[in-house]
């Protein structure tokens, strides 16, 4: 590693050191990329990848245990599988059997993306390397729900200790709900004093940097997380989803 690489790495660590831990980071970036693909931003594919990677790195947080300092992930912008019958292939690649329904309410199976993931320890070593699964569902209006499925490791923070707005116990399983606000900035942009304070104190406010278009952008996303049989399930959708409907959809996965 040359001096520039070392300096860059140190600066990124400084930026990340005061942010909150979040299992929503991957979903936040996926939502942003999905919005871009729908025409909100006209950009080339390679530029999209740069934006996603930058936001992922700068959104790494510090867990209270002191063992895991963040989580990194990478995936293709295209589906690896487009047929529901290929669910078993995805499970074989990930190395686990999961609850993956063909439909979530009015949302129909659309495709599967394999995700490479790893946690980072205090020395930035990659640990808990694994493959996770993202399943996309769409309704007739082309609105989307993404189901992210990942393995649970003993040294990871339990969901009950992560920030959440509401918890509902359904059929003996705890479902954790959060509405997340994300602010996207171009590289080099500065936060206002209010934004700095929110980033330090508000676990439901995330900031991502990337060479987007030079403008500040905000969006809101809704998330529900739960654990079952050694797996963590995380659902992400846009802000239009009714909360009660969202809980019904999430709980249908385990019924």
Protein backbone atom coordinates (compact mmCIF):
# COMPACT_ATOMS: atom_id res chain seq x y z
CA UNK A 1 0.00 0.00 0.00
CA UNK A 2 1.53 3.36 -1.02
CA UNK A 3 1.41 6.58 1.05
CA UNK A 4 -1.61 7.92 -0.82
CA UNK A 5 -3.58 4.73 -0.15
CA UNK A 6 -2.68 4.86 3.54
CA UNK A 7 -3.69 8.51 3.83
CA UNK A 8 -6.99 7.87 2.03
CA UNK A 9 -7.74 4.90 4.29
CA UNK A 10 -7.00 6.95 7.42
CA UNK A 11 -9.20 9.82 6.28
CA UNK A 12 -12.09 7.47 5.50
CA UNK A 13 -11.78 5.93 8.94
CA UNK A 14 -11.88 9.38 10.57
CA UNK A 15 -15.03 10.28 8.65
CA UNK A 16 -16.70 7.02 9.58
CA UNK A 17 -15.70 6.91 13.21
CA UNK A 18 -18.66 8.92 14.62
CA UNK A 19 -21.45 7.45 12.50
CA UNK A 20 -24.05 5.07 13.82
CA UNK A 21 -24.13 1.34 13.15
CA UNK A 22 -26.73 0.42 10.60
CA UNK A 23 -28.02 -2.70 8.93
CA UNK A 24 -29.89 -0.32 6.63
CA UNK A 25 -26.84 0.95 4.74
CA UNK A 26 -26.94 -1.72 2.04
CA UNK A 27 -30.66 -1.15 1.53
CA UNK A 28 -30.19 2.60 1.42
CA UNK A 29 -27.69 2.30 -1.43
CA UNK A 30 -29.86 -0.22 -3.27
CA UNK A 31 -32.78 2.19 -3.07
CA UNK A 32 -30.64 5.01 -4.44
CA UNK A 33 -29.38 2.90 -7.34
CA UNK A 34 -32.90 1.72 -8.10
CA UNK A 35 -34.10 5.34 -8.24
CA UNK A 36 -31.26 6.13 -10.63
CA UNK A 37 -32.19 3.23 -12.90
CA UNK A 38 -35.76 4.55 -13.03
CA UNK A 39 -34.54 7.77 -14.60
CA UNK A 40 -34.11 10.17 -11.70
CA UNK A 41 -30.42 10.39 -12.63
CA UNK A 42 -28.99 9.80 -16.05
CA UNK A 43 -25.63 8.24 -15.41
CA UNK A 44 -23.41 5.55 -16.84
CA UNK A 45 -23.22 2.18 -15.10
CA UNK A 46 -19.61 2.58 -14.01
CA UNK A 47 -20.47 5.90 -12.38
CA UNK A 48 -23.29 4.28 -10.47
CA UNK A 49 -20.88 1.75 -9.06
CA UNK A 50 -18.56 4.52 -7.87
CA UNK A 51 -21.41 6.32 -6.12
CA UNK A 52 -22.53 3.15 -4.38
CA UNK A 53 -19.06 2.19 -3.22
CA UNK A 54 -18.30 5.64 -1.88
CA UNK A 55 -21.52 5.81 0.10
CA UNK A 56 -21.02 2.34 1.50
CA UNK A 57 -17.51 3.08 2.73
CA UNK A 58 -18.40 6.40 4.28
CA UNK A 59 -21.46 5.04 6.03
CA UNK A 60 -19.59 2.42 8.05
CA UNK A 61 -20.38 2.71 11.76
CA UNK A 62 -18.95 1.52 15.05
CA UNK A 63 -20.67 -1.23 17.01
CA UNK A 64 -20.77 -1.04 20.78
CA UNK A 65 -19.06 -4.42 21.20
CA UNK A 66 -15.75 -3.00 19.98
CA UNK A 67 -15.11 -6.13 17.91
CA UNK A 68 -16.93 -5.31 14.67
CA UNK A 69 -16.37 -1.80 13.35
CA UNK A 70 -18.49 -2.02 10.21
CA UNK A 71 -19.89 -4.08 7.38
CA UNK A 72 -19.05 -3.94 3.69
CA UNK A 73 -20.94 -5.42 0.77
CA UNK A 74 -20.79 -5.55 -3.00
CA UNK A 75 -23.09 -6.85 -5.70
CA UNK A 76 -23.91 -6.55 -9.37
CA UNK A 77 -26.38 -3.94 -10.58
CA UNK A 78 -28.13 -6.73 -12.51
CA UNK A 79 -29.98 -9.78 -11.26
CA UNK A 80 -28.09 -13.05 -11.01
CA UNK A 81 -31.36 -14.98 -11.33
CA UNK A 82 -34.66 -13.92 -12.87
CA UNK A 83 -36.80 -17.04 -12.36
CA UNK A 84 -38.34 -18.07 -9.05
CA UNK A 85 -37.30 -21.69 -9.66
CA UNK A 86 -33.68 -20.51 -9.27
CA UNK A 87 -34.19 -19.73 -5.55
CA UNK A 88 -32.54 -23.06 -4.68
CA UNK A 89 -29.47 -22.13 -6.74
CA UNK A 90 -29.16 -18.86 -4.82
CA UNK A 91 -29.51 -20.67 -1.50
CA UNK A 92 -26.82 -23.15 -2.51
CA UNK A 93 -24.43 -20.32 -3.35
CA UNK A 94 -25.18 -18.56 -0.06
CA UNK A 95 -24.89 -21.79 1.91
CA UNK A 96 -28.22 -21.59 3.73
CA UNK A 97 -31.91 -22.40 3.34
CA UNK A 98 -34.16 -19.38 3.74
CA UNK A 99 -37.82 -18.41 3.72
CA UNK A 100 -38.20 -16.89 0.24
CA UNK A 101 -41.85 -16.64 -0.85
CA UNK A 102 -42.82 -16.19 -4.46
CA UNK A 103 -45.08 -13.25 -3.60
CA UNK A 104 -45.24 -10.66 -0.83
CA UNK A 105 -48.85 -9.51 -0.81
CA UNK A 106 -49.42 -7.81 -4.15
CA UNK A 107 -45.69 -7.75 -4.84
CA UNK A 108 -44.47 -10.46 -7.22
CA UNK A 109 -41.03 -12.03 -7.47
CA UNK A 110 -38.83 -10.07 -9.89
CA UNK A 111 -35.26 -11.31 -9.44
CA UNK A 112 -32.39 -12.34 -7.16
CA UNK A 113 -29.02 -10.69 -6.64
CA UNK A 114 -26.15 -12.40 -4.83
CA UNK A 115 -24.27 -10.14 -2.40
CA UNK A 116 -20.70 -10.53 -1.17
CA UNK A 117 -20.44 -9.40 2.44
CA UNK A 118 -17.90 -9.16 5.24
CA UNK A 119 -17.60 -7.49 8.63
CA UNK A 120 -14.59 -5.37 9.60
CA UNK A 121 -12.77 -5.67 12.90
CA UNK A 122 -10.89 -2.90 14.73
CA UNK A 123 -7.82 -3.41 12.53
CA UNK A 124 -9.92 -3.33 9.34
CA UNK A 125 -9.50 -7.05 8.79
CA UNK A 126 -12.38 -8.65 6.92
CA UNK A 127 -14.15 -11.26 9.05
CA UNK A 128 -17.38 -13.23 8.71
CA UNK A 129 -16.98 -13.36 4.94
CA UNK A 130 -20.10 -14.75 3.32
CA UNK A 131 -22.68 -14.48 0.55
CA UNK A 132 -26.11 -12.98 1.17
CA UNK A 133 -29.25 -12.90 -0.96
CA UNK A 134 -31.30 -9.94 -2.19
CA UNK A 135 -34.76 -10.75 -3.56
CA UNK A 136 -36.68 -8.03 -5.40
CA UNK A 137 -40.47 -7.95 -5.56
CA UNK A 138 -42.56 -5.53 -7.64
CA UNK A 139 -46.25 -4.69 -7.84
CA UNK A 140 -48.27 -3.60 -10.89
CA UNK A 141 -47.20 0.03 -10.31
CA UNK A 142 -43.54 -1.05 -10.44
CA UNK A 143 -43.02 -0.21 -6.79
CA UNK A 144 -40.48 -2.45 -5.14
CA UNK A 145 -39.77 -4.31 -1.92
CA UNK A 146 -36.31 -5.77 -1.43
CA UNK A 147 -35.80 -8.72 0.90
CA UNK A 148 -32.19 -9.03 2.09
CA UNK A 149 -31.23 -12.31 3.78
CA UNK A 150 -27.96 -12.74 5.62
CA UNK A 151 -26.40 -15.10 8.16
CA UNK A 152 -26.06 -14.19 11.85
CA UNK A 153 -22.71 -14.46 13.64
CA UNK A 154 -22.14 -14.58 17.39
CA UNK A 155 -20.00 -11.43 17.42
CA UNK A 156 -22.59 -9.28 15.63
CA UNK A 157 -24.85 -6.81 17.40
CA UNK A 158 -28.32 -8.27 18.10
CA UNK A 159 -31.27 -6.55 16.45
CA UNK A 160 -32.76 -5.64 19.83
CA UNK A 161 -29.78 -3.33 20.52
CA UNK A 162 -29.81 -1.63 17.14
CA UNK A 163 -31.75 1.64 16.69
CA UNK A 164 -35.40 1.10 15.73
CA UNK A 165 -38.66 3.05 15.99
CA UNK A 166 -41.11 0.25 16.71
CA UNK A 167 -41.06 -3.43 17.59
CA UNK A 168 -43.97 -5.84 17.17
CA UNK A 169 -43.96 -9.46 18.29
CA UNK A 170 -45.83 -11.59 15.75
CA UNK A 171 -46.09 -15.35 16.19
CA UNK A 172 -43.23 -15.28 18.69
CA UNK A 173 -40.81 -13.33 16.46
CA UNK A 174 -39.78 -9.70 17.01
CA UNK A 175 -40.10 -7.42 13.98
CA UNK A 176 -38.16 -4.13 14.15
CA UNK A 177 -39.36 -1.14 12.10
CA UNK A 178 -37.49 2.01 11.10
CA UNK A 179 -38.07 4.94 8.78
CA UNK A 180 -34.67 6.11 7.56
CA UNK A 181 -33.81 9.51 6.12
CA UNK A 182 -30.84 9.57 3.77
CA UNK A 183 -28.95 12.65 2.61
CA UNK A 184 -26.76 12.23 -0.48
CA UNK A 185 -24.02 14.75 -1.18
CA UNK A 186 -21.44 15.23 -3.89
CA UNK A 187 -17.80 14.65 -3.01
CA UNK A 188 -16.37 17.58 -1.07
CA UNK A 189 -19.75 18.93 -0.01
CA UNK A 190 -20.02 20.15 3.58
CA UNK A 191 -22.73 19.46 6.09
CA UNK A 192 -24.59 22.29 7.77
CA UNK A 193 -24.32 22.60 11.55
CA UNK A 194 -27.78 21.11 11.91
CA UNK A 195 -26.86 18.17 9.66
CA UNK A 196 -23.64 17.57 11.60
CA UNK A 197 -25.57 17.43 14.85
CA UNK A 198 -28.14 15.07 13.37
CA UNK A 199 -25.45 12.77 12.01
CA UNK A 200 -23.93 12.57 15.49
CA UNK A 201 -27.16 12.13 17.44
CA UNK A 202 -29.87 10.79 15.12
CA UNK A 203 -29.54 7.05 14.31
CA UNK A 204 -32.27 7.39 11.67
CA UNK A 205 -30.32 9.92 9.61
CA UNK A 206 -27.60 8.70 7.24
CA UNK A 207 -25.21 10.62 5.02
CA UNK A 208 -23.66 9.23 1.85
CA UNK A 209 -21.05 10.89 -0.37
CA UNK A 210 -20.55 10.27 -4.06
CA UNK A 211 -20.08 12.08 -7.36
CA UNK A 212 -23.81 12.26 -8.13
CA UNK A 213 -24.73 15.60 -9.69
CA UNK A 214 -23.52 18.23 -7.25
CA UNK A 215 -26.93 18.65 -5.64
CA UNK A 216 -28.14 17.67 -2.19
CA UNK A 217 -30.73 14.95 -2.30
CA UNK A 218 -32.88 13.46 0.40
CA UNK A 219 -35.06 10.39 0.35
CA UNK A 220 -36.87 8.29 2.91
CA UNK A 221 -37.03 4.53 3.08
CA UNK A 222 -38.83 2.12 5.38
CA UNK A 223 -37.23 -1.00 6.84
CA UNK A 224 -38.34 -4.03 8.82
CA UNK A 225 -35.83 -6.51 10.23
CA UNK A 226 -36.29 -9.83 12.01
CA UNK A 227 -34.33 -12.98 12.78
CA UNK A 228 -35.29 -16.61 12.27
CA UNK A 229 -33.32 -19.87 12.35
CA UNK A 230 -29.91 -18.20 12.35
CA UNK A 231 -30.73 -15.79 9.52
CA UNK A 232 -31.41 -12.06 9.48
CA UNK A 233 -34.18 -10.82 7.19
CA UNK A 234 -34.29 -7.16 6.19
CA UNK A 235 -37.05 -5.62 4.09
CA UNK A 236 -36.69 -2.26 2.41
CA UNK A 237 -39.22 -0.19 0.47
CA UNK A 238 -39.99 3.44 -0.28
CA UNK A 239 -41.81 5.87 1.98
CA UNK A 240 -45.26 5.30 0.50
CA UNK A 241 -45.81 1.91 2.18
CA UNK A 242 -48.40 1.93 4.99
CA UNK A 243 -46.77 0.74 8.23
CA UNK A 244 -49.49 -1.78 9.13
CA UNK A 245 -49.45 -3.22 5.61
CA UNK A 246 -45.67 -3.43 5.86
CA UNK A 247 -45.83 -5.46 9.08
CA UNK A 248 -48.41 -7.77 7.49
CA UNK A 249 -46.13 -8.32 4.49
CA UNK A 250 -43.09 -8.96 6.67
CA UNK A 251 -44.90 -11.40 8.97
CA UNK A 252 -46.26 -13.33 5.97
CA UNK A 253 -42.72 -14.57 5.33
CA UNK A 254 -42.78 -16.74 8.45
CA UNK A 255 -46.38 -18.00 8.18
